[in-house]
Amino acid sequence: MEGWRILATVLLGVPGVIGVLLAMAKAREKTGRGSTVAVTGLVGLTALAVTAVLTLTTLPGPVTWVLAGTVAVIVSVLALAS
């Protein structure tokens, strides 16, 4: 496995986990129910895990870096807006 794939996955995973936590906090704020928060967390972590596996294995280089950069920018904007 190439080193750049591992680096891109880490750069995708760290803001991705923060984004999932932000989504879970927003779900808790809106509904106040733990079950909604749990479902939000499971869906977010599953999507992040699938994306990380695709980044490590099959996605081409430019797509991988654009995906990692997009997730980082979106999470940064969400963190500043909340």
C-alpha atoms as a PDB file:
ATOM      1  CA  MET A   1       0.000   0.000   0.000  1.00  0.00           C
ATOM      2  CA  GLU A   2       1.372   3.400  -0.986  1.00  0.00           C
ATOM      3  CA  GLY A   3       2.173   5.936   1.683  1.00  0.00           C
ATOM      4  CA  TRP A   4       0.116   8.660   0.047  1.00  0.00           C
ATOM      5  CA  ARG A   5      -3.019   6.517   0.381  1.00  0.00           C
ATOM      6  CA  ILE A   6      -2.454   6.126   4.106  1.00  0.00           C
ATOM      7  CA  LEU A   7      -1.843   9.870   4.500  1.00  0.00           C
ATOM      8  CA  ALA A   8      -4.961  10.736   2.499  1.00  0.00           C
ATOM      9  CA  THR A   9      -7.035   8.328   4.579  1.00  0.00           C
ATOM     10  CA  VAL A  10      -5.800   9.901   7.805  1.00  0.00           C
ATOM     11  CA  LEU A  11      -6.541  13.359   6.409  1.00  0.00           C
ATOM     12  CA  LEU A  12     -10.021  12.095   5.539  1.00  0.00           C
ATOM     13  CA  GLY A  13     -10.626  10.254   8.804  1.00  0.00           C
ATOM     14  CA  VAL A  14      -9.742  12.904  11.373  1.00  0.00           C
ATOM     15  CA  PRO A  15     -12.070  15.618  10.070  1.00  0.00           C
ATOM     16  CA  GLY A  16     -14.586  12.909   9.213  1.00  0.00           C
ATOM     17  CA  VAL A  17     -14.834  11.793  12.833  1.00  0.00           C
ATOM     18  CA  ILE A  18     -15.175  15.404  13.942  1.00  0.00           C
ATOM     19  CA  GLY A  19     -17.920  15.870  11.344  1.00  0.00           C
ATOM     20  CA  VAL A  20     -19.782  12.815  12.630  1.00  0.00           C
ATOM     21  CA  LEU A  21     -19.571  14.179  16.168  1.00  0.00           C
ATOM     22  CA  LEU A  22     -20.909  17.539  14.986  1.00  0.00           C
ATOM     23  CA  ALA A  23     -23.801  15.821  13.211  1.00  0.00           C
ATOM     24  CA  MET A  24     -24.572  13.815  16.345  1.00  0.00           C
ATOM     25  CA  ALA A  25     -24.582  16.983  18.449  1.00  0.00           C
ATOM     26  CA  LYS A  26     -26.928  18.669  15.982  1.00  0.00           C
ATOM     27  CA  ALA A  27     -29.269  15.657  16.076  1.00  0.00           C
ATOM     28  CA  ARG A  28     -29.271  15.747  19.882  1.00  0.00           C
ATOM     29  CA  GLU A  29     -29.997  19.465  19.835  1.00  0.00           C
ATOM     30  CA  LYS A  30     -32.927  19.122  17.431  1.00  0.00           C
ATOM     31  CA  THR A  31     -34.622  15.993  18.760  1.00  0.00           C
ATOM     32  CA  GLY A  32     -33.301  15.399  22.263  1.00  0.00           C
ATOM     33  CA  ARG A  33     -33.593  11.632  21.774  1.00  0.00           C
ATOM     34  CA  GLY A  34     -30.701   9.257  22.203  1.00  0.00           C
ATOM     35  CA  SER A  35     -31.936   6.853  19.553  1.00  0.00           C
ATOM     36  CA  THR A  36     -31.775   9.530  16.866  1.00  0.00           C
ATOM     37  CA  VAL A  37     -28.266  10.424  17.940  1.00  0.00           C
ATOM     38  CA  ALA A  38     -27.215   6.762  17.788  1.00  0.00           C
ATOM     39  CA  VAL A  39     -28.655   6.287  14.303  1.00  0.00           C
ATOM     40  CA  THR A  40     -26.974   9.486  13.110  1.00  0.00           C
ATOM     41  CA  GLY A  41     -23.658   8.289  14.492  1.00  0.00           C
ATOM     42  CA  LEU A  42     -23.960   4.836  12.956  1.00  0.00           C
ATOM     43  CA  VAL A  43     -24.862   6.178   9.520  1.00  0.00           C
ATOM     44  CA  GLY A  44     -22.059   8.744   9.628  1.00  0.00           C
ATOM     45  CA  LEU A  45     -19.411   6.297  10.809  1.00  0.00           C
ATOM     46  CA  THR A  46     -20.496   3.698   8.255  1.00  0.00           C
ATOM     47  CA  ALA A  47     -20.239   6.212   5.421  1.00  0.00           C
ATOM     48  CA  LEU A  48     -16.844   7.335   6.724  1.00  0.00           C
ATOM     49  CA  ALA A  49     -15.592   3.744   6.983  1.00  0.00           C
ATOM     50  CA  VAL A  50     -16.705   2.895   3.439  1.00  0.00           C
ATOM     51  CA  THR A  51     -15.064   6.055   2.123  1.00  0.00           C
ATOM     52  CA  ALA A  52     -11.845   5.284   4.006  1.00  0.00           C
ATOM     53  CA  VAL A  53     -11.705   1.741   2.613  1.00  0.00           C
ATOM     54  CA  LEU A  54     -12.297   3.038  -0.913  1.00  0.00           C
ATOM     55  CA  THR A  55      -9.573   5.634  -0.382  1.00  0.00           C
ATOM     56  CA  LEU A  56      -7.137   2.966   0.756  1.00  0.00           C
ATOM     57  CA  THR A  57      -7.903   0.529  -2.035  1.00  0.00           C
ATOM     58  CA  THR A  58      -9.550   1.658  -5.274  1.00  0.00           C
ATOM     59  CA  LEU A  59     -10.042   5.394  -5.729  1.00  0.00           C
ATOM     60  CA  PRO A  60      -7.557   7.147  -8.036  1.00  0.00           C
ATOM     61  CA  GLY A  61      -5.184   9.733  -6.617  1.00  0.00           C
ATOM     62  CA  PRO A  62      -6.893  12.972  -7.653  1.00  0.00           C
ATOM     63  CA  VAL A  63     -10.292  11.757  -6.460  1.00  0.00           C
ATOM     64  CA  THR A  64      -8.786  10.734  -3.127  1.00  0.00           C
ATOM     65  CA  TRP A  65      -7.179  14.112  -2.507  1.00  0.00           C
ATOM     66  CA  VAL A  66     -10.256  16.069  -3.622  1.00  0.00           C
ATOM     67  CA  LEU A  67     -12.410  13.965  -1.296  1.00  0.00           C
ATOM     68  CA  ALA A  68     -10.079  14.466   1.669  1.00  0.00           C
ATOM     69  CA  GLY A  69      -9.859  18.209   1.018  1.00  0.00           C
ATOM     70  CA  THR A  70     -13.614  18.574   0.590  1.00  0.00           C
ATOM     71  CA  VAL A  71     -14.344  16.783   3.853  1.00  0.00           C
ATOM     72  CA  ALA A  72     -11.788  18.957   5.670  1.00  0.00           C
ATOM     73  CA  VAL A  73     -13.279  22.188   4.283  1.00  0.00           C
ATOM     74  CA  ILE A  74     -16.876  21.160   5.018  1.00  0.00           C
ATOM     75  CA  VAL A  75     -16.059  20.175   8.597  1.00  0.00           C
ATOM     76  CA  SER A  76     -14.134  23.410   9.124  1.00  0.00           C
ATOM     77  CA  VAL A  77     -17.085  25.466   7.930  1.00  0.00           C
ATOM     78  CA  LEU A  78     -19.521  23.452  10.080  1.00  0.00           C
ATOM     79  CA  ALA A  79     -17.313  23.871  13.137  1.00  0.00           C
ATOM     80  CA  LEU A  80     -17.066  27.620  12.615  1.00  0.00           C
ATOM     81  CA  ALA A  81     -20.801  27.955  12.002  1.00  0.00           C
ATOM     82  CA  SER A  82     -21.875  26.091  15.131  1.00  0.00           C
END
